Amino acid sequence: MQTSVSMDSGSADLKLSGRFDFNAHREFRAAYEQVIADAAVRALNIDMGGVDYLDSSALGMLLMLRDKAGAANKALTLSNVRGAVKQVLDIANFGKLFRIL
């Protein structure tokens, strides 16, 4: 999986692409930890438009991020969710836990 982070006036976009699975856990955590630690960032958007696969470990990573973002008082959004990724998130009822655009 590839990640890129861009920040703009109080919000951060974390763009993901490729396979979001257990092998991506270090890269994913490294990408979001800098954003969570930045007091100037009030909102975090996870852009999943480039993700073509995710598994149960990815769901766990998203839940962990949700907890950390909540503890840091940061809004969290999942965006550009489509195809098989959307199906997995729908089956897991993530629409009840996350703001999904």
PDB file of N, CA and C in Angstrom:
ATOM      1  N   MET A   1       0.844  -1.175   0.000  1.00  0.00           N
ATOM      2  CA  MET A   1       0.000   0.000   0.000  1.00  0.00           C
ATOM      3  C   MET A   1       0.887   1.235   0.000  1.00  0.00           C
ATOM      4  N   GLN A   2       0.441   2.254  -0.675  1.00  0.00           N
ATOM      5  CA  GLN A   2       1.115   3.547  -0.704  1.00  0.00           C
ATOM      6  C   GLN A   2       0.277   4.545   0.087  1.00  0.00           C
ATOM      7  N   THR A   3       0.945   5.424   0.821  1.00  0.00           N
ATOM      8  CA  THR A   3       0.243   6.475   1.550  1.00  0.00           C
ATOM      9  C   THR A   3       0.896   7.817   1.254  1.00  0.00           C
ATOM     10  N   SER A   4       0.081   8.844   1.239  1.00  0.00           N
ATOM     11  CA  SER A   4       0.614  10.204   1.141  1.00  0.00           C
ATOM     12  C   SER A   4      -0.247  11.100   2.019  1.00  0.00           C
ATOM     13  N   VAL A   5       0.400  12.055   2.660  1.00  0.00           N
ATOM     14  CA  VAL A   5      -0.291  12.962   3.578  1.00  0.00           C
ATOM     15  C   VAL A   5      -0.149  14.380   3.058  1.00  0.00           C
ATOM     16  N   SER A   6      -1.266  15.093   3.016  1.00  0.00           N
ATOM     17  CA  SER A   6      -1.220  16.519   2.705  1.00  0.00           C
ATOM     18  C   SER A   6      -2.028  17.260   3.754  1.00  0.00           C
ATOM     19  N   MET A   7      -1.526  18.416   4.157  1.00  0.00           N
ATOM     20  CA  MET A   7      -2.203  19.204   5.189  1.00  0.00           C
ATOM     21  C   MET A   7      -2.543  20.580   4.648  1.00  0.00           C
ATOM     22  N   ASP A   8      -3.709  21.084   5.095  1.00  0.00           N
ATOM     23  CA  ASP A   8      -4.160  22.393   4.648  1.00  0.00           C
ATOM     24  C   ASP A   8      -5.069  22.995   5.711  1.00  0.00           C
ATOM     25  N   SER A   9      -4.636  24.052   6.308  1.00  0.00           N
ATOM     26  CA  SER A   9      -5.402  24.852   7.276  1.00  0.00           C
ATOM     27  C   SER A   9      -6.307  24.041   8.206  1.00  0.00           C
ATOM     28  N   GLY A  10      -5.702  23.271   9.082  1.00  0.00           N
ATOM     29  CA  GLY A  10      -6.460  22.573  10.101  1.00  0.00           C
ATOM     30  C   GLY A  10      -7.004  21.220   9.705  1.00  0.00           C
ATOM     31  N   SER A  11      -6.773  20.794   8.465  1.00  0.00           N
ATOM     32  CA  SER A  11      -7.226  19.470   8.068  1.00  0.00           C
ATOM     33  C   SER A  11      -6.097  18.734   7.360  1.00  0.00           C
ATOM     34  N   ALA A  12      -6.175  17.427   7.417  1.00  0.00           N
ATOM     35  CA  ALA A  12      -5.168  16.594   6.776  1.00  0.00           C
ATOM     36  C   ALA A  12      -5.858  15.537   5.931  1.00  0.00           C
ATOM     37  N   ASP A  13      -5.297  15.263   4.779  1.00  0.00           N
ATOM     38  CA  ASP A  13      -5.776  14.199   3.899  1.00  0.00           C
ATOM     39  C   ASP A  13      -4.726  13.110   3.853  1.00  0.00           C
ATOM     40  N   LEU A  14      -5.150  11.903   4.162  1.00  0.00           N
ATOM     41  CA  LEU A  14      -4.280  10.741   4.079  1.00  0.00           C
ATOM     42  C   LEU A  14      -4.799   9.897   2.921  1.00  0.00           C
ATOM     43  N   LYS A  15      -4.050   9.896   1.823  1.00  0.00           N
ATOM     44  CA  LYS A  15      -4.481   9.199   0.609  1.00  0.00           C
ATOM     45  C   LYS A  15      -3.845   7.820   0.572  1.00  0.00           C
ATOM     46  N   LEU A  16      -4.688   6.795   0.442  1.00  0.00           N
ATOM     47  CA  LEU A  16      -4.244   5.411   0.419  1.00  0.00           C
ATOM     48  C   LEU A  16      -4.441   4.833  -0.982  1.00  0.00           C
ATOM     49  N   SER A  17      -3.531   3.940  -1.377  1.00  0.00           N
ATOM     50  CA  SER A  17      -3.719   3.242  -2.646  1.00  0.00           C
ATOM     51  C   SER A  17      -3.094   1.856  -2.559  1.00  0.00           C
ATOM     52  N   GLY A  18      -3.691   0.926  -3.276  1.00  0.00           N
ATOM     53  CA  GLY A  18      -3.209  -0.451  -3.282  1.00  0.00           C
ATOM     54  C   GLY A  18      -3.980  -1.330  -2.320  1.00  0.00           C
ATOM     55  N   ARG A  19      -3.316  -2.385  -1.849  1.00  0.00           N
ATOM     56  CA  ARG A  19      -3.924  -3.348  -0.929  1.00  0.00           C
ATOM     57  C   ARG A  19      -3.779  -2.865   0.508  1.00  0.00           C
ATOM     58  N   PHE A  20      -4.895  -2.702   1.193  1.00  0.00           N
ATOM     59  CA  PHE A  20      -4.900  -2.280   2.596  1.00  0.00           C
ATOM     60  C   PHE A  20      -5.112  -3.546   3.424  1.00  0.00           C
ATOM     61  N   ASP A  21      -4.010  -4.121   3.873  1.00  0.00           N
ATOM     62  CA  ASP A  21      -4.070  -5.351   4.654  1.00  0.00           C
ATOM     63  C   ASP A  21      -3.025  -5.296   5.767  1.00  0.00           C
ATOM     64  N   PHE A  22      -2.812  -6.410   6.441  1.00  0.00           N
ATOM     65  CA  PHE A  22      -1.912  -6.424   7.587  1.00  0.00           C
ATOM     66  C   PHE A  22      -0.507  -5.935   7.236  1.00  0.00           C
ATOM     67  N   ASN A  23      -0.052  -6.217   6.046  1.00  0.00           N
ATOM     68  CA  ASN A  23       1.287  -5.794   5.635  1.00  0.00           C
ATOM     69  C   ASN A  23       1.441  -4.276   5.603  1.00  0.00           C
ATOM     70  N   ALA A  24       0.342  -3.549   5.604  1.00  0.00           N
ATOM     71  CA  ALA A  24       0.380  -2.082   5.532  1.00  0.00           C
ATOM     72  C   ALA A  24       0.319  -1.422   6.905  1.00  0.00           C
ATOM     73  N   HIS A  25       0.266  -2.210   7.979  1.00  0.00           N
ATOM     74  CA  HIS A  25       0.003  -1.607   9.292  1.00  0.00           C
ATOM     75  C   HIS A  25       1.078  -0.614   9.727  1.00  0.00           C
ATOM     76  N   ARG A  26       2.338  -0.897   9.487  1.00  0.00           N
ATOM     77  CA  ARG A  26       3.392   0.043   9.912  1.00  0.00           C
ATOM     78  C   ARG A  26       3.319   1.351   9.122  1.00  0.00           C
ATOM     79  N   GLU A  27       3.155   1.225   7.823  1.00  0.00           N
ATOM     80  CA  GLU A  27       3.095   2.425   6.978  1.00  0.00           C
ATOM     81  C   GLU A  27       1.865   3.269   7.316  1.00  0.00           C
ATOM     82  N   PHE A  28       0.729   2.611   7.519  1.00  0.00           N
ATOM     83  CA  PHE A  28      -0.499   3.328   7.851  1.00  0.00           C
ATOM     84  C   PHE A  28      -0.354   4.054   9.187  1.00  0.00           C
ATOM     85  N   ARG A  29       0.154   3.359  10.193  1.00  0.00           N
ATOM     86  CA  ARG A  29       0.323   3.964  11.511  1.00  0.00           C
ATOM     87  C   ARG A  29       1.306   5.138  11.461  1.00  0.00           C
ATOM     88  N   ALA A  30       2.404   4.970  10.750  1.00  0.00           N
ATOM     89  CA  ALA A  30       3.390   6.049  10.631  1.00  0.00           C
ATOM     90  C   ALA A  30       2.780   7.278   9.967  1.00  0.00           C
ATOM     91  N   ALA A  31       1.901   7.058   8.992  1.00  0.00           N
ATOM     92  CA  ALA A  31       1.275   8.174   8.285  1.00  0.00           C
ATOM     93  C   ALA A  31       0.302   8.930   9.180  1.00  0.00           C
ATOM     94  N   TYR A  32      -0.522   8.219   9.959  1.00  0.00           N
ATOM     95  CA  TYR A  32      -1.516   8.940  10.751  1.00  0.00           C
ATOM     96  C   TYR A  32      -0.980   9.459  12.080  1.00  0.00           C
ATOM     97  N   GLU A  33       0.056   8.854  12.630  1.00  0.00           N
ATOM     98  CA  GLU A  33       0.558   9.307  13.932  1.00  0.00           C
ATOM     99  C   GLU A  33       1.040  10.752  13.899  1.00  0.00           C
ATOM    100  N   GLN A  34       1.690  11.152  12.811  1.00  0.00           N
ATOM    101  CA  GLN A  34       2.152  12.537  12.714  1.00  0.00           C
ATOM    102  C   GLN A  34       0.976  13.501  12.671  1.00  0.00           C
ATOM    103  N   VAL A  35      -0.107  13.083  12.056  1.00  0.00           N
ATOM    104  CA  VAL A  35      -1.301  13.933  11.954  1.00  0.00           C
ATOM    105  C   VAL A  35      -2.000  14.021  13.308  1.00  0.00           C
ATOM    106  N   ILE A  36      -2.136  12.889  13.998  1.00  0.00           N
ATOM    107  CA  ILE A  36      -2.789  12.878  15.306  1.00  0.00           C
ATOM    108  C   ILE A  36      -2.006  13.742  16.292  1.00  0.00           C
ATOM    109  N   ALA A  37      -0.684  13.729  16.191  1.00  0.00           N
ATOM    110  CA  ALA A  37       0.160  14.488  17.130  1.00  0.00           C
ATOM    111  C   ALA A  37       0.167  15.984  16.841  1.00  0.00           C
ATOM    112  N   ASP A  38      -0.252  16.402  15.665  1.00  0.00           N
ATOM    113  CA  ASP A  38      -0.228  17.815  15.268  1.00  0.00           C
ATOM    114  C   ASP A  38      -1.459  18.529  15.835  1.00  0.00           C
ATOM    115  N   ALA A  39      -1.237  19.410  16.799  1.00  0.00           N
ATOM    116  CA  ALA A  39      -2.349  20.111  17.456  1.00  0.00           C
ATOM    117  C   ALA A  39      -3.105  21.029  16.503  1.00  0.00           C
ATOM    118  N   ALA A  40      -2.471  21.459  15.423  1.00  0.00           N
ATOM    119  CA  ALA A  40      -3.127  22.361  14.472  1.00  0.00           C
ATOM    120  C   ALA A  40      -4.155  21.637  13.607  1.00  0.00           C
ATOM    121  N   VAL A  41      -4.054  20.333  13.510  1.00  0.00           N
ATOM    122  CA  VAL A  41      -4.981  19.548  12.692  1.00  0.00           C
ATOM    123  C   VAL A  41      -6.222  19.209  13.508  1.00  0.00           C
ATOM    124  N   ARG A  42      -7.377  19.611  12.995  1.00  0.00           N
ATOM    125  CA  ARG A  42      -8.649  19.352  13.679  1.00  0.00           C
ATOM    126  C   ARG A  42      -9.477  18.271  12.987  1.00  0.00           C
ATOM    127  N   ALA A  43      -9.143  17.978  11.719  1.00  0.00           N
ATOM    128  CA  ALA A  43      -9.912  17.002  10.951  1.00  0.00           C
ATOM    129  C   ALA A  43      -8.972  16.159  10.098  1.00  0.00           C
ATOM    130  N   LEU A  44      -9.309  14.885   9.993  1.00  0.00           N
ATOM    131  CA  LEU A  44      -8.516  13.946   9.215  1.00  0.00           C
ATOM    132  C   LEU A  44      -9.432  13.232   8.236  1.00  0.00           C
ATOM    133  N   ASN A  45      -9.061  13.257   6.970  1.00  0.00           N
ATOM    134  CA  ASN A  45      -9.809  12.566   5.921  1.00  0.00           C
ATOM    135  C   ASN A  45      -8.955  11.425   5.397  1.00  0.00           C
ATOM    136  N   ILE A  46      -9.510  10.226   5.398  1.00  0.00           N
ATOM    137  CA  ILE A  46      -8.840   9.071   4.816  1.00  0.00           C
ATOM    138  C   ILE A  46      -9.432   8.867   3.429  1.00  0.00           C
ATOM    139  N   ASP A  47      -8.656   9.190   2.392  1.00  0.00           N
ATOM    140  CA  ASP A  47      -9.092   9.058   0.996  1.00  0.00           C
ATOM    141  C   ASP A  47      -8.781   7.641   0.536  1.00  0.00           C
ATOM    142  N   MET A  48      -9.825   6.845   0.345  1.00  0.00           N
ATOM    143  CA  MET A  48      -9.664   5.438  -0.004  1.00  0.00           C
ATOM    144  C   MET A  48      -9.924   5.173  -1.483  1.00  0.00           C
ATOM    145  N   GLY A  49      -9.887   6.216  -2.293  1.00  0.00           N
ATOM    146  CA  GLY A  49     -10.173   6.073  -3.713  1.00  0.00           C
ATOM    147  C   GLY A  49      -9.237   5.132  -4.437  1.00  0.00           C
ATOM    148  N   GLY A  50      -8.003   5.017  -3.984  1.00  0.00           N
ATOM    149  CA  GLY A  50      -7.040   4.149  -4.642  1.00  0.00           C
ATOM    150  C   GLY A  50      -6.923   2.766  -4.035  1.00  0.00           C
ATOM    151  N   VAL A  51      -7.722   2.481  -3.007  1.00  0.00           N
ATOM    152  CA  VAL A  51      -7.661   1.169  -2.347  1.00  0.00           C
ATOM    153  C   VAL A  51      -8.483   0.172  -3.158  1.00  0.00           C
ATOM    154  N   ASP A  52      -7.831  -0.913  -3.565  1.00  0.00           N
ATOM    155  CA  ASP A  52      -8.561  -1.915  -4.347  1.00  0.00           C
ATOM    156  C   ASP A  52      -8.896  -3.171  -3.547  1.00  0.00           C
ATOM    157  N   TYR A  53      -8.391  -3.243  -2.307  1.00  0.00           N
ATOM    158  CA  TYR A  53      -8.651  -4.408  -1.460  1.00  0.00           C
ATOM    159  C   TYR A  53      -8.429  -4.015  -0.012  1.00  0.00           C
ATOM    160  N   LEU A  54      -9.291  -4.494   0.882  1.00  0.00           N
ATOM    161  CA  LEU A  54      -9.025  -4.368   2.303  1.00  0.00           C
ATOM    162  C   LEU A  54      -9.544  -5.602   3.010  1.00  0.00           C
ATOM    163  N   ASP A  55      -8.895  -5.956   4.114  1.00  0.00           N
ATOM    164  CA  ASP A  55      -9.283  -7.149   4.850  1.00  0.00           C
ATOM    165  C   ASP A  55      -9.642  -6.792   6.284  1.00  0.00           C
ATOM    166  N   SER A  56      -9.868  -7.802   7.101  1.00  0.00           N
ATOM    167  CA  SER A  56     -10.309  -7.550   8.475  1.00  0.00           C
ATOM    168  C   SER A  56      -9.249  -6.804   9.288  1.00  0.00           C
ATOM    169  N   SER A  57      -7.981  -7.007   8.999  1.00  0.00           N
ATOM    170  CA  SER A  57      -6.958  -6.265   9.739  1.00  0.00           C
ATOM    171  C   SER A  57      -7.017  -4.780   9.390  1.00  0.00           C
ATOM    172  N   ALA A  58      -7.367  -4.455   8.152  1.00  0.00           N
ATOM    173  CA  ALA A  58      -7.538  -3.047   7.760  1.00  0.00           C
ATOM    174  C   ALA A  58      -8.710  -2.438   8.524  1.00  0.00           C
ATOM    175  N   LEU A  59      -9.779  -3.203   8.693  1.00  0.00           N
ATOM    176  CA  LEU A  59     -10.918  -2.710   9.468  1.00  0.00           C
ATOM    177  C   LEU A  59     -10.477  -2.420  10.898  1.00  0.00           C
ATOM    178  N   GLY A  60      -9.676  -3.295  11.460  1.00  0.00           N
ATOM    179  CA  GLY A  60      -9.154  -3.082  12.808  1.00  0.00           C
ATOM    180  C   GLY A  60      -8.282  -1.841  12.895  1.00  0.00           C
ATOM    181  N   MET A  61      -7.473  -1.614  11.872  1.00  0.00           N
ATOM    182  CA  MET A  61      -6.615  -0.417  11.854  1.00  0.00           C
ATOM    183  C   MET A  61      -7.454   0.849  11.784  1.00  0.00           C
ATOM    184  N   LEU A  62      -8.535   0.806  11.005  1.00  0.00           N
ATOM    185  CA  LEU A  62      -9.423   1.971  10.923  1.00  0.00           C
ATOM    186  C   LEU A  62     -10.112   2.217  12.264  1.00  0.00           C
ATOM    187  N   LEU A  63     -10.506   1.162  12.953  1.00  0.00           N
ATOM    188  CA  LEU A  63     -11.127   1.315  14.271  1.00  0.00           C
ATOM    189  C   LEU A  63     -10.135   1.888  15.284  1.00  0.00           C
ATOM    190  N   MET A  64      -8.891   1.450  15.205  1.00  0.00           N
ATOM    191  CA  MET A  64      -7.872   1.976  16.108  1.00  0.00           C
ATOM    192  C   MET A  64      -7.643   3.466  15.829  1.00  0.00           C
ATOM    193  N   LEU A  65      -7.599   3.815  14.556  1.00  0.00           N
ATOM    194  CA  LEU A  65      -7.447   5.225  14.189  1.00  0.00           C
ATOM    195  C   LEU A  65      -8.634   6.036  14.696  1.00  0.00           C
ATOM    196  N   ARG A  66      -9.827   5.483  14.582  1.00  0.00           N
ATOM    197  CA  ARG A  66     -11.030   6.180  15.067  1.00  0.00           C
ATOM    198  C   ARG A  66     -10.912   6.486  16.559  1.00  0.00           C
ATOM    199  N   ASP A  67     -10.446   5.516  17.332  1.00  0.00           N
ATOM    200  CA  ASP A  67     -10.265   5.722  18.775  1.00  0.00           C
ATOM    201  C   ASP A  67      -9.224   6.794  19.060  1.00  0.00           C
ATOM    202  N   LYS A  68      -8.099   6.743  18.346  1.00  0.00           N
ATOM    203  CA  LYS A  68      -7.030   7.719  18.563  1.00  0.00           C
ATOM    204  C   LYS A  68      -7.463   9.121  18.143  1.00  0.00           C
ATOM    205  N   ALA A  69      -8.188   9.217  17.035  1.00  0.00           N
ATOM    206  CA  ALA A  69      -8.675  10.518  16.576  1.00  0.00           C
ATOM    207  C   ALA A  69      -9.678  11.082  17.573  1.00  0.00           C
ATOM    208  N   GLY A  70     -10.566  10.241  18.075  1.00  0.00           N
ATOM    209  CA  GLY A  70     -11.538  10.689  19.071  1.00  0.00           C
ATOM    210  C   GLY A  70     -10.863  11.175  20.343  1.00  0.00           C
ATOM    211  N   ALA A  71      -9.846  10.447  20.798  1.00  0.00           N
ATOM    212  CA  ALA A  71      -9.123  10.838  22.006  1.00  0.00           C
ATOM    213  C   ALA A  71      -8.387  12.155  21.810  1.00  0.00           C
ATOM    214  N   ALA A  72      -7.991  12.443  20.568  1.00  0.00           N
ATOM    215  CA  ALA A  72      -7.273  13.685  20.264  1.00  0.00           C
ATOM    216  C   ALA A  72      -8.221  14.799  19.819  1.00  0.00           C
ATOM    217  N   ASN A  73      -9.537  14.543  19.886  1.00  0.00           N
ATOM    218  CA  ASN A  73     -10.543  15.538  19.501  1.00  0.00           C
ATOM    219  C   ASN A  73     -10.450  15.945  18.033  1.00  0.00           C
ATOM    220  N   LYS A  74     -10.249  14.973  17.157  1.00  0.00           N
ATOM    221  CA  LYS A  74     -10.139  15.250  15.733  1.00  0.00           C
ATOM    222  C   LYS A  74     -11.266  14.533  15.001  1.00  0.00           C
ATOM    223  N   ALA A  75     -11.891  15.238  14.072  1.00  0.00           N
ATOM    224  CA  ALA A  75     -12.943  14.638  13.257  1.00  0.00           C
ATOM    225  C   ALA A  75     -12.300  13.694  12.244  1.00  0.00           C
ATOM    226  N   LEU A  76     -12.974  12.585  11.956  1.00  0.00           N
ATOM    227  CA  LEU A  76     -12.442  11.589  11.032  1.00  0.00           C
ATOM    228  C   LEU A  76     -13.480  11.268   9.967  1.00  0.00           C
ATOM    229  N   THR A  77     -13.052  11.269   8.711  1.00  0.00           N
ATOM    230  CA  THR A  77     -13.929  10.968   7.586  1.00  0.00           C
ATOM    231  C   THR A  77     -13.247   9.965   6.670  1.00  0.00           C
ATOM    232  N   LEU A  78     -14.030   9.049   6.119  1.00  0.00           N
ATOM    233  CA  LEU A  78     -13.551   8.157   5.065  1.00  0.00           C
ATOM    234  C   LEU A  78     -14.175   8.653   3.768  1.00  0.00           C
ATOM    235  N   SER A  79     -13.362   8.843   2.729  1.00  0.00           N
ATOM    236  CA  SER A  79     -13.908   9.368   1.479  1.00  0.00           C
ATOM    237  C   SER A  79     -13.483   8.515   0.286  1.00  0.00           C
ATOM    238  N   ASN A  80     -14.175   8.743  -0.827  1.00  0.00           N
ATOM    239  CA  ASN A  80     -13.930   8.039  -2.093  1.00  0.00           C
ATOM    240  C   ASN A  80     -13.992   6.527  -1.932  1.00  0.00           C
ATOM    241  N   VAL A  81     -14.918   6.070  -1.118  1.00  0.00           N
ATOM    242  CA  VAL A  81     -15.105   4.638  -0.887  1.00  0.00           C
ATOM    243  C   VAL A  81     -16.015   4.105  -1.987  1.00  0.00           C
ATOM    244  N   ARG A  82     -15.542   3.057  -2.674  1.00  0.00           N
ATOM    245  CA  ARG A  82     -16.348   2.524  -3.781  1.00  0.00           C
ATOM    246  C   ARG A  82     -16.019   1.051  -4.024  1.00  0.00           C
ATOM    247  N   GLY A  83     -16.844   0.416  -4.837  1.00  0.00           N
ATOM    248  CA  GLY A  83     -16.604  -0.961  -5.254  1.00  0.00           C
ATOM    249  C   GLY A  83     -16.564  -1.946  -4.107  1.00  0.00           C
ATOM    250  N   ALA A  84     -15.612  -2.879  -4.199  1.00  0.00           N
ATOM    251  CA  ALA A  84     -15.476  -3.945  -3.201  1.00  0.00           C
ATOM    252  C   ALA A  84     -15.155  -3.380  -1.822  1.00  0.00           C
ATOM    253  N   VAL A  85     -14.415  -2.282  -1.780  1.00  0.00           N
ATOM    254  CA  VAL A  85     -14.080  -1.649  -0.500  1.00  0.00           C
ATOM    255  C   VAL A  85     -15.364  -1.153   0.166  1.00  0.00           C
ATOM    256  N   LYS A  86     -16.231  -0.535  -0.596  1.00  0.00           N
ATOM    257  CA  LYS A  86     -17.514  -0.062  -0.056  1.00  0.00           C
ATOM    258  C   LYS A  86     -18.346  -1.240   0.453  1.00  0.00           C
ATOM    259  N   GLN A  87     -18.342  -2.326  -0.289  1.00  0.00           N
ATOM    260  CA  GLN A  87     -19.098  -3.511   0.133  1.00  0.00           C
ATOM    261  C   GLN A  87     -18.617  -4.024   1.482  1.00  0.00           C
ATOM    262  N   VAL A  88     -17.304  -4.123   1.650  1.00  0.00           N
ATOM    263  CA  VAL A  88     -16.749  -4.615   2.911  1.00  0.00           C
ATOM    264  C   VAL A  88     -17.132  -3.678   4.052  1.00  0.00           C
ATOM    265  N   LEU A  89     -17.015  -2.375   3.839  1.00  0.00           N
ATOM    266  CA  LEU A  89     -17.363  -1.407   4.892  1.00  0.00           C
ATOM    267  C   LEU A  89     -18.856  -1.460   5.209  1.00  0.00           C
ATOM    268  N   ASP A  90     -19.686  -1.657   4.188  1.00  0.00           N
ATOM    269  CA  ASP A  90     -21.128  -1.774   4.414  1.00  0.00           C
ATOM    270  C   ASP A  90     -21.468  -3.030   5.218  1.00  0.00           C
ATOM    271  N   ILE A  91     -20.856  -4.148   4.859  1.00  0.00           N
ATOM    272  CA  ILE A  91     -21.112  -5.405   5.573  1.00  0.00           C
ATOM    273  C   ILE A  91     -20.701  -5.280   7.039  1.00  0.00           C
ATOM    274  N   ALA A  92     -19.608  -4.562   7.282  1.00  0.00           N
ATOM    275  CA  ALA A  92     -19.110  -4.378   8.654  1.00  0.00           C
ATOM    276  C   ALA A  92     -19.833  -3.258   9.397  1.00  0.00           C
ATOM    277  N   ASN A  93     -20.841  -2.649   8.768  1.00  0.00           N
ATOM    278  CA  ASN A  93     -21.617  -1.556   9.371  1.00  0.00           C
ATOM    279  C   ASN A  93     -20.764  -0.356   9.764  1.00  0.00           C
ATOM    280  N   PHE A  94     -19.714  -0.080   8.994  1.00  0.00           N
ATOM    281  CA  PHE A  94     -18.854   1.047   9.305  1.00  0.00           C
ATOM    282  C   PHE A  94     -19.554   2.386   9.086  1.00  0.00           C
ATOM    283  N   GLY A  95     -20.640   2.386   8.345  1.00  0.00           N
ATOM    284  CA  GLY A  95     -21.406   3.605   8.157  1.00  0.00           C
ATOM    285  C   GLY A  95     -21.984   4.131   9.462  1.00  0.00           C
ATOM    286  N   LYS A  96     -22.130   3.262  10.452  1.00  0.00           N
ATOM    287  CA  LYS A  96     -22.625   3.660  11.762  1.00  0.00           C
ATOM    288  C   LYS A  96     -21.510   4.194  12.653  1.00  0.00           C
ATOM    289  N   LEU A  97     -20.260   3.887  12.293  1.00  0.00           N
ATOM    290  CA  LEU A  97     -19.122   4.250  13.114  1.00  0.00           C
ATOM    291  C   LEU A  97     -18.310   5.407  12.550  1.00  0.00           C
ATOM    292  N   PHE A  98     -18.392   5.593  11.239  1.00  0.00           N
ATOM    293  CA  PHE A  98     -17.600   6.598  10.546  1.00  0.00           C
ATOM    294  C   PHE A  98     -18.480   7.481   9.678  1.00  0.00           C
ATOM    295  N   ARG A  99     -18.020   8.676   9.439  1.00  0.00           N
ATOM    296  CA  ARG A  99     -18.632   9.524   8.423  1.00  0.00           C
ATOM    297  C   ARG A  99     -18.002   9.114   7.098  1.00  0.00           C
ATOM    298  N   ILE A 100     -18.817   8.582   6.196  1.00  0.00           N
ATOM    299  CA  ILE A 100     -18.318   8.082   4.909  1.00  0.00           C
ATOM    300  C   ILE A 100     -18.897   8.924   3.791  1.00  0.00           C
ATOM    301  N   LEU A 101     -18.007   9.460   2.971  1.00  0.00           N
ATOM    302  CA  LEU A 101     -18.419  10.294   1.827  1.00  0.00           C
ATOM    303  C   LEU A 101     -18.189   9.561   0.532  1.00  0.00           C
TER     304      LEU A 101
END
